[in-house]
Amino acid sequence: MDKISLANAHLPQLIGLVLMSIGYTLGNRFYLPVVDKK
């Protein structure tokens, strides 16, 4: 139970990091080429 509670405590941080990294890579992949074309 200790490992589960520990994982639940750190889950929001992990999700936030994953979402930030995904958003960053997607932003670089799709947003920058559009800016370069203009």
PDB file of N, CA and C in Angstrom:
ATOM      1  N   MET A   1       0.845  -1.210   0.000  1.00  0.00           N
ATOM      2  CA  MET A   1       0.000   0.000   0.000  1.00  0.00           C
ATOM      3  C   MET A   1       0.875   1.253   0.000  1.00  0.00           C
ATOM      4  N   ASP A   2       2.052   1.157   0.611  1.00  0.00           N
ATOM      5  CA  ASP A   2       2.915   2.341   0.664  1.00  0.00           C
ATOM      6  C   ASP A   2       3.354   2.751  -0.747  1.00  0.00           C
ATOM      7  N   LYS A   3       3.703   1.765  -1.569  1.00  0.00           N
ATOM      8  CA  LYS A   3       4.136   2.098  -2.930  1.00  0.00           C
ATOM      9  C   LYS A   3       2.984   2.714  -3.717  1.00  0.00           C
ATOM     10  N   ILE A   4       1.784   2.196  -3.522  1.00  0.00           N
ATOM     11  CA  ILE A   4       0.627   2.718  -4.260  1.00  0.00           C
ATOM     12  C   ILE A   4       0.344   4.150  -3.839  1.00  0.00           C
ATOM     13  N   SER A   5       0.379   4.412  -2.528  1.00  0.00           N
ATOM     14  CA  SER A   5       0.105   5.779  -2.060  1.00  0.00           C
ATOM     15  C   SER A   5       1.200   6.720  -2.539  1.00  0.00           C
ATOM     16  N   LEU A   6       2.436   6.241  -2.571  1.00  0.00           N
ATOM     17  CA  LEU A   6       3.547   7.067  -3.040  1.00  0.00           C
ATOM     18  C   LEU A   6       3.369   7.388  -4.523  1.00  0.00           C
ATOM     19  N   ALA A   7       2.968   6.382  -5.307  1.00  0.00           N
ATOM     20  CA  ALA A   7       2.751   6.603  -6.733  1.00  0.00           C
ATOM     21  C   ALA A   7       1.609   7.592  -6.948  1.00  0.00           C
ATOM     22  N   ASN A   8       0.538   7.459  -6.154  1.00  0.00           N
ATOM     23  CA  ASN A   8      -0.588   8.383  -6.290  1.00  0.00           C
ATOM     24  C   ASN A   8      -0.174   9.802  -5.930  1.00  0.00           C
ATOM     25  N   ALA A   9       0.765   9.944  -4.985  1.00  0.00           N
ATOM     26  CA  ALA A   9       1.208  11.276  -4.577  1.00  0.00           C
ATOM     27  C   ALA A   9       2.018  11.932  -5.688  1.00  0.00           C
ATOM     28  N   HIS A  10       2.782  11.135  -6.437  1.00  0.00           N
ATOM     29  CA  HIS A  10       3.642  11.694  -7.483  1.00  0.00           C
ATOM     30  C   HIS A  10       2.980  11.649  -8.856  1.00  0.00           C
ATOM     31  N   LEU A  11       1.785  11.062  -8.935  1.00  0.00           N
ATOM     32  CA  LEU A  11       1.134  10.924 -10.238  1.00  0.00           C
ATOM     33  C   LEU A  11       0.856  12.277 -10.894  1.00  0.00           C
ATOM     34  N   PRO A  12       0.299  13.264 -10.193  1.00  0.00           N
ATOM     35  CA  PRO A  12       0.038  14.565 -10.838  1.00  0.00           C
ATOM     36  C   PRO A  12       1.312  15.194 -11.397  1.00  0.00           C
ATOM     37  N   GLN A  13       2.433  15.074 -10.688  1.00  0.00           N
ATOM     38  CA  GLN A  13       3.685  15.638 -11.194  1.00  0.00           C
ATOM     39  C   GLN A  13       4.106  14.939 -12.475  1.00  0.00           C
ATOM     40  N   LEU A  14       3.990  13.599 -12.486  1.00  0.00           N
ATOM     41  CA  LEU A  14       4.385  12.844 -13.675  1.00  0.00           C
ATOM     42  C   LEU A  14       3.504  13.213 -14.859  1.00  0.00           C
ATOM     43  N   ILE A  15       2.188  13.301 -14.629  1.00  0.00           N
ATOM     44  CA  ILE A  15       1.264  13.656 -15.710  1.00  0.00           C
ATOM     45  C   ILE A  15       1.583  15.055 -16.227  1.00  0.00           C
ATOM     46  N   GLY A  16       1.865  15.977 -15.312  1.00  0.00           N
ATOM     47  CA  GLY A  16       2.201  17.340 -15.726  1.00  0.00           C
ATOM     48  C   GLY A  16       3.461  17.360 -16.573  1.00  0.00           C
ATOM     49  N   LEU A  17       4.475  16.606 -16.158  1.00  0.00           N
ATOM     50  CA  LEU A  17       5.723  16.577 -16.925  1.00  0.00           C
ATOM     51  C   LEU A  17       5.494  15.969 -18.304  1.00  0.00           C
ATOM     52  N   VAL A  18       4.714  14.886 -18.355  1.00  0.00           N
ATOM     53  CA  VAL A  18       4.451  14.231 -19.641  1.00  0.00           C
ATOM     54  C   VAL A  18       3.686  15.172 -20.564  1.00  0.00           C
ATOM     55  N   LEU A  19       2.653  15.838 -20.025  1.00  0.00           N
ATOM     56  CA  LEU A  19       1.864  16.754 -20.850  1.00  0.00           C
ATOM     57  C   LEU A  19       2.725  17.908 -21.337  1.00  0.00           C
ATOM     58  N   MET A  20       3.589  18.436 -20.468  1.00  0.00           N
ATOM     59  CA  MET A  20       4.456  19.546 -20.872  1.00  0.00           C
ATOM     60  C   MET A  20       5.417  19.106 -21.971  1.00  0.00           C
ATOM     61  N   SER A  21       6.009  17.914 -21.819  1.00  0.00           N
ATOM     62  CA  SER A  21       6.964  17.439 -22.826  1.00  0.00           C
ATOM     63  C   SER A  21       6.252  17.170 -24.155  1.00  0.00           C
ATOM     64  N   ILE A  22       5.058  16.578 -24.095  1.00  0.00           N
ATOM     65  CA  ILE A  22       4.294  16.313 -25.324  1.00  0.00           C
ATOM     66  C   ILE A  22       3.904  17.632 -25.988  1.00  0.00           C
ATOM     67  N   GLY A  23       3.403  18.574 -25.202  1.00  0.00           N
ATOM     68  CA  GLY A  23       3.020  19.869 -25.761  1.00  0.00           C
ATOM     69  C   GLY A  23       4.220  20.592 -26.354  1.00  0.00           C
ATOM     70  N   TYR A  24       5.374  20.462 -25.718  1.00  0.00           N
ATOM     71  CA  TYR A  24       6.576  21.139 -26.207  1.00  0.00           C
ATOM     72  C   TYR A  24       7.020  20.547 -27.538  1.00  0.00           C
ATOM     73  N   THR A  25       7.045  19.212 -27.631  1.00  0.00           N
ATOM     74  CA  THR A  25       7.481  18.578 -28.872  1.00  0.00           C
ATOM     75  C   THR A  25       6.468  18.839 -29.987  1.00  0.00           C
ATOM     76  N   LEU A  26       5.174  18.762 -29.662  1.00  0.00           N
ATOM     77  CA  LEU A  26       4.154  19.026 -30.681  1.00  0.00           C
ATOM     78  C   LEU A  26       4.234  20.475 -31.136  1.00  0.00           C
ATOM     79  N   GLY A  27       4.442  21.397 -30.202  1.00  0.00           N
ATOM     80  CA  GLY A  27       4.550  22.809 -30.555  1.00  0.00           C
ATOM     81  C   GLY A  27       5.743  23.048 -31.466  1.00  0.00           C
ATOM     82  N   ASN A  28       6.861  22.417 -31.166  1.00  0.00           N
ATOM     83  CA  ASN A  28       8.047  22.589 -32.001  1.00  0.00           C
ATOM     84  C   ASN A  28       7.832  21.973 -33.373  1.00  0.00           C
ATOM     85  N   ARG A  29       7.109  20.870 -33.421  1.00  0.00           N
ATOM     86  CA  ARG A  29       6.958  20.155 -34.685  1.00  0.00           C
ATOM     87  C   ARG A  29       5.975  20.874 -35.606  1.00  0.00           C
ATOM     88  N   PHE A  30       4.866  21.376 -35.053  1.00  0.00           N
ATOM     89  CA  PHE A  30       3.803  21.910 -35.909  1.00  0.00           C
ATOM     90  C   PHE A  30       3.802  23.432 -35.961  1.00  0.00           C
ATOM     91  N   TYR A  31       4.241  24.085 -34.891  1.00  0.00           N
ATOM     92  CA  TYR A  31       4.129  25.548 -34.848  1.00  0.00           C
ATOM     93  C   TYR A  31       5.314  26.213 -35.532  1.00  0.00           C
ATOM     94  N   LEU A  32       6.519  25.722 -35.279  1.00  0.00           N
ATOM     95  CA  LEU A  32       7.703  26.368 -35.847  1.00  0.00           C
ATOM     96  C   LEU A  32       7.733  26.304 -37.375  1.00  0.00           C
ATOM     97  N   PRO A  33       7.434  25.170 -38.013  1.00  0.00           N
ATOM     98  CA  PRO A  33       7.424  25.147 -39.491  1.00  0.00           C
ATOM     99  C   PRO A  33       6.444  26.151 -40.077  1.00  0.00           C
ATOM    100  N   VAL A  34       5.295  26.348 -39.434  1.00  0.00           N
ATOM    101  CA  VAL A  34       4.316  27.318 -39.933  1.00  0.00           C
ATOM    102  C   VAL A  34       4.901  28.723 -39.845  1.00  0.00           C
ATOM    103  N   VAL A  35       5.615  29.010 -38.767  1.00  0.00           N
ATOM    104  CA  VAL A  35       6.226  30.330 -38.614  1.00  0.00           C
ATOM    105  C   VAL A  35       7.314  30.521 -39.661  1.00  0.00           C
ATOM    106  N   ASP A  36       8.079  29.474 -39.947  1.00  0.00           N
ATOM    107  CA  ASP A  36       9.160  29.592 -40.923  1.00  0.00           C
ATOM    108  C   ASP A  36       8.602  29.829 -42.328  1.00  0.00           C
ATOM    109  N   LYS A  37       7.449  29.240 -42.635  1.00  0.00           N
ATOM    110  CA  LYS A  37       6.877  29.424 -43.970  1.00  0.00           C
ATOM    111  C   LYS A  37       6.464  30.871 -44.183  1.00  0.00           C
ATOM    112  N   LYS A  38       5.957  31.521 -43.121  1.00  0.00           N
ATOM    113  CA  LYS A  38       5.576  32.922 -43.254  1.00  0.00           C
ATOM    114  C   LYS A  38       6.845  33.776 -43.293  1.00  0.00           C
TER     115      LYS A  38
END
